[in-house]
N, C-alpha and C. Protein backbone atom coordinates (compact mmCIF):
# COMPACT_ATOMS: atom_id res chain seq x y z
N MET A 1 106.63 80.65 117.54
CA MET A 1 107.41 81.64 116.84
C MET A 1 106.52 82.33 115.81
N ILE A 2 106.52 83.64 115.85
CA ILE A 2 105.78 84.47 114.91
C ILE A 2 106.71 84.76 113.72
N THR A 3 106.16 84.72 112.51
CA THR A 3 106.95 85.02 111.33
C THR A 3 106.38 86.23 110.62
N ILE A 4 107.26 87.22 110.39
CA ILE A 4 106.92 88.38 109.57
C ILE A 4 107.63 88.17 108.24
N THR A 5 106.89 88.18 107.16
CA THR A 5 107.49 88.07 105.84
C THR A 5 107.30 89.38 105.11
N VAL A 6 108.42 89.93 104.62
CA VAL A 6 108.39 91.16 103.85
C VAL A 6 108.64 90.76 102.40
N PHE A 7 107.61 90.94 101.56
CA PHE A 7 107.76 90.68 100.14
C PHE A 7 108.13 91.99 99.46
N GLY A 8 109.22 91.96 98.72
CA GLY A 8 109.67 93.16 98.03
C GLY A 8 110.33 92.84 96.71
N THR A 9 110.86 93.87 96.11
CA THR A 9 111.51 93.72 94.82
C THR A 9 112.95 93.26 95.00
N THR A 10 113.51 92.71 93.91
CA THR A 10 114.92 92.32 93.89
C THR A 10 115.54 92.94 92.66
N PRO A 11 116.50 93.83 92.82
CA PRO A 11 117.03 94.35 94.08
C PRO A 11 115.96 95.21 94.78
N PRO A 12 116.10 95.34 96.10
CA PRO A 12 115.06 96.04 96.86
C PRO A 12 115.02 97.54 96.57
N CYS A 13 113.81 98.07 96.45
CA CYS A 13 113.62 99.51 96.33
C CYS A 13 113.74 100.13 97.72
N ALA A 14 113.76 101.44 97.78
CA ALA A 14 113.92 102.13 99.07
C ALA A 14 112.78 101.80 100.03
N LYS A 15 111.56 101.74 99.52
CA LYS A 15 110.41 101.45 100.38
C LYS A 15 110.48 100.02 100.93
N CYS A 16 110.92 99.08 100.10
CA CYS A 16 111.05 97.68 100.54
C CYS A 16 112.14 97.54 101.60
N LYS A 17 113.23 98.27 101.43
CA LYS A 17 114.31 98.26 102.43
C LYS A 17 113.80 98.79 103.76
N ARG A 18 113.04 99.91 103.71
CA ARG A 18 112.50 100.49 104.94
C ARG A 18 111.50 99.55 105.61
N ALA A 19 110.70 98.87 104.82
CA ALA A 19 109.73 97.93 105.38
C ALA A 19 110.44 96.82 106.13
N GLU A 20 111.52 96.32 105.56
CA GLU A 20 112.29 95.27 106.24
C GLU A 20 112.93 95.80 107.52
N GLN A 21 113.47 97.02 107.47
CA GLN A 21 114.08 97.62 108.66
C GLN A 21 113.07 97.80 109.78
N GLU A 22 111.87 98.25 109.45
CA GLU A 22 110.83 98.42 110.46
C GLU A 22 110.42 97.08 111.04
N ALA A 23 110.35 96.06 110.21
CA ALA A 23 110.01 94.72 110.69
C ALA A 23 111.08 94.21 111.65
N LEU A 24 112.34 94.45 111.32
CA LEU A 24 113.43 94.02 112.21
C LEU A 24 113.39 94.77 113.53
N LYS A 25 113.06 96.07 113.49
CA LYS A 25 112.94 96.85 114.73
C LYS A 25 111.83 96.29 115.62
N ALA A 26 110.70 95.98 115.01
CA ALA A 26 109.57 95.44 115.77
C ALA A 26 109.93 94.07 116.35
N ALA A 27 110.58 93.24 115.56
CA ALA A 27 110.96 91.90 116.01
C ALA A 27 111.94 91.96 117.18
N ALA A 28 112.79 92.96 117.19
CA ALA A 28 113.79 93.10 118.26
C ALA A 28 113.13 93.30 119.62
N ARG A 29 111.90 93.75 119.64
CA ARG A 29 111.17 93.95 120.90
C ARG A 29 110.69 92.64 121.51
N PHE A 30 110.77 91.55 120.73
CA PHE A 30 110.30 90.24 121.17
C PHE A 30 111.40 89.21 120.93
N PRO A 31 112.50 89.29 121.69
CA PRO A 31 113.65 88.41 121.45
C PRO A 31 113.26 86.92 121.46
N GLY A 32 113.68 86.23 120.43
CA GLY A 32 113.44 84.79 120.34
C GLY A 32 112.02 84.39 119.99
N GLN A 33 111.14 85.37 119.74
CA GLN A 33 109.74 85.06 119.47
C GLN A 33 109.29 85.40 118.05
N VAL A 34 110.12 86.21 117.35
CA VAL A 34 109.72 86.69 116.03
C VAL A 34 110.86 86.49 115.04
N GLU A 35 110.52 85.94 113.89
CA GLU A 35 111.47 85.76 112.80
C GLU A 35 111.03 86.68 111.65
N VAL A 36 112.00 87.37 111.03
CA VAL A 36 111.71 88.22 109.88
C VAL A 36 112.35 87.58 108.65
N ARG A 37 111.52 87.43 107.62
CA ARG A 37 112.02 86.89 106.35
C ARG A 37 111.77 87.91 105.25
N LYS A 38 112.72 88.03 104.34
CA LYS A 38 112.59 88.91 103.17
C LYS A 38 112.52 88.01 101.95
N LEU A 39 111.42 88.10 101.19
CA LEU A 39 111.25 87.27 100.01
C LEU A 39 110.92 88.14 98.80
N ASP A 40 111.25 87.63 97.63
CA ASP A 40 111.00 88.33 96.38
C ASP A 40 109.51 88.29 96.05
N ALA A 41 108.98 89.43 95.67
CA ALA A 41 107.55 89.54 95.35
C ALA A 41 107.17 88.76 94.10
N LEU A 42 108.17 88.34 93.31
CA LEU A 42 107.89 87.54 92.13
C LEU A 42 108.15 86.06 92.34
N GLY A 43 108.49 85.69 93.57
CA GLY A 43 108.79 84.30 93.89
C GLY A 43 107.53 83.46 94.06
N PRO A 44 107.71 82.15 94.15
CA PRO A 44 106.55 81.25 94.27
C PRO A 44 105.74 81.47 95.55
N GLU A 45 106.39 81.84 96.64
CA GLU A 45 105.65 82.08 97.89
C GLU A 45 104.69 83.25 97.74
N ALA A 46 105.11 84.26 96.98
CA ALA A 46 104.29 85.46 96.80
C ALA A 46 103.03 85.16 96.01
N GLN A 47 103.11 84.23 95.10
CA GLN A 47 101.94 83.89 94.27
C GLN A 47 100.77 83.41 95.12
N ALA A 48 101.06 82.77 96.23
CA ALA A 48 100.01 82.27 97.11
C ALA A 48 99.16 83.41 97.69
N TYR A 49 99.75 84.61 97.78
CA TYR A 49 99.05 85.77 98.34
C TYR A 49 98.48 86.68 97.26
N GLY A 50 98.75 86.39 96.00
CA GLY A 50 98.24 87.22 94.91
C GLY A 50 98.75 88.65 94.99
N LEU A 51 100.03 88.82 95.31
CA LEU A 51 100.59 90.15 95.49
C LEU A 51 100.49 90.99 94.23
N MET A 52 100.14 92.25 94.43
CA MET A 52 100.04 93.19 93.31
C MET A 52 100.97 94.40 93.51
N VAL A 53 101.32 94.70 94.75
CA VAL A 53 102.18 95.86 95.04
C VAL A 53 103.21 95.48 96.09
N THR A 54 104.28 96.25 96.13
CA THR A 54 105.31 96.05 97.14
C THR A 54 105.50 97.34 97.92
N PRO A 55 105.97 97.25 99.12
CA PRO A 55 106.15 96.02 99.88
C PRO A 55 104.82 95.47 100.38
N THR A 56 104.80 94.18 100.59
CA THR A 56 103.66 93.52 101.23
C THR A 56 104.18 92.84 102.49
N ILE A 57 103.50 93.07 103.60
CA ILE A 57 103.90 92.52 104.89
C ILE A 57 102.89 91.44 105.28
N VAL A 58 103.40 90.26 105.60
CA VAL A 58 102.57 89.13 106.00
C VAL A 58 102.99 88.70 107.40
N LEU A 59 102.04 88.60 108.30
CA LEU A 59 102.30 88.17 109.68
C LEU A 59 101.62 86.83 109.88
N ASP A 60 102.41 85.79 110.04
CA ASP A 60 101.88 84.44 110.24
C ASP A 60 100.79 84.07 109.24
N GLY A 61 101.07 84.33 107.96
CA GLY A 61 100.15 83.93 106.91
C GLY A 61 99.03 84.90 106.61
N ARG A 62 98.97 86.03 107.32
CA ARG A 62 97.90 87.02 107.12
C ARG A 62 98.51 88.32 106.61
N VAL A 63 98.03 88.80 105.47
CA VAL A 63 98.52 90.07 104.91
C VAL A 63 98.05 91.20 105.81
N ILE A 64 99.02 92.00 106.31
CA ILE A 64 98.65 93.12 107.19
C ILE A 64 99.02 94.47 106.60
N GLY A 65 99.70 94.47 105.46
CA GLY A 65 100.04 95.74 104.84
C GLY A 65 100.50 95.55 103.41
N THR A 66 100.02 96.43 102.53
CA THR A 66 100.44 96.37 101.14
C THR A 66 100.72 97.78 100.62
N GLY A 67 101.82 97.91 99.88
CA GLY A 67 102.13 99.16 99.21
C GLY A 67 102.61 100.29 100.09
N ARG A 68 102.88 99.99 101.34
CA ARG A 68 103.37 101.04 102.25
C ARG A 68 104.23 100.41 103.33
N VAL A 69 104.99 101.27 103.99
CA VAL A 69 105.85 100.82 105.08
C VAL A 69 105.06 100.89 106.37
N LEU A 70 104.96 99.78 107.07
CA LEU A 70 104.29 99.77 108.37
C LEU A 70 105.31 100.13 109.43
N PRO A 71 105.03 101.14 110.27
CA PRO A 71 105.96 101.52 111.33
C PRO A 71 106.16 100.39 112.34
N ALA A 72 107.33 100.38 112.96
CA ALA A 72 107.66 99.33 113.94
C ALA A 72 106.63 99.26 115.05
N ASP A 73 106.10 100.41 115.50
CA ASP A 73 105.10 100.41 116.58
C ASP A 73 103.83 99.67 116.16
N GLN A 74 103.40 99.89 114.92
CA GLN A 74 102.20 99.21 114.43
C GLN A 74 102.46 97.71 114.29
N LEU A 75 103.62 97.36 113.78
CA LEU A 75 103.97 95.95 113.66
C LEU A 75 104.05 95.29 115.04
N ALA A 76 104.62 95.99 116.00
CA ALA A 76 104.74 95.44 117.36
C ALA A 76 103.35 95.19 117.95
N ALA A 77 102.40 96.08 117.69
CA ALA A 77 101.03 95.88 118.18
C ALA A 77 100.41 94.63 117.54
N GLU A 78 100.66 94.43 116.25
CA GLU A 78 100.15 93.23 115.57
C GLU A 78 100.80 91.96 116.13
N ILE A 79 102.09 92.05 116.43
CA ILE A 79 102.80 90.91 117.03
C ILE A 79 102.22 90.58 118.39
N GLN A 80 101.97 91.60 119.20
CA GLN A 80 101.39 91.40 120.53
C GLN A 80 100.04 90.69 120.42
N ARG A 81 99.21 91.11 119.46
CA ARG A 81 97.92 90.46 119.27
C ARG A 81 98.11 89.00 118.90
N ALA A 82 99.07 88.75 118.00
CA ALA A 82 99.32 87.37 117.56
C ALA A 82 99.84 86.51 118.70
N LEU A 83 100.59 87.10 119.61
CA LEU A 83 101.12 86.37 120.75
C LEU A 83 100.08 86.23 121.86
N GLY A 84 98.95 86.93 121.72
CA GLY A 84 97.89 86.84 122.72
C GLY A 84 98.15 87.63 123.98
N ARG A 85 98.92 88.71 123.83
CA ARG A 85 99.21 89.56 125.01
C ARG A 85 98.21 90.65 125.15
């Protein structure tokens, strides 16, 4: 199972909401293989990544985007790489 974590603000700003929506769209292309989690950028999990800007997108423990919304197509390509396709 691949995990996409979207770190954003609480309450979420417009950019953080869009980042989560794009992650959900990308995950929908891989039924049962991708989990999307939304976590607070000020939470303890975020400290492990040294986050400085939101949104931050993490794919299986690797930061793949910071401060911008990654389109679903780009996320899907990253997921495919992670799945070894």
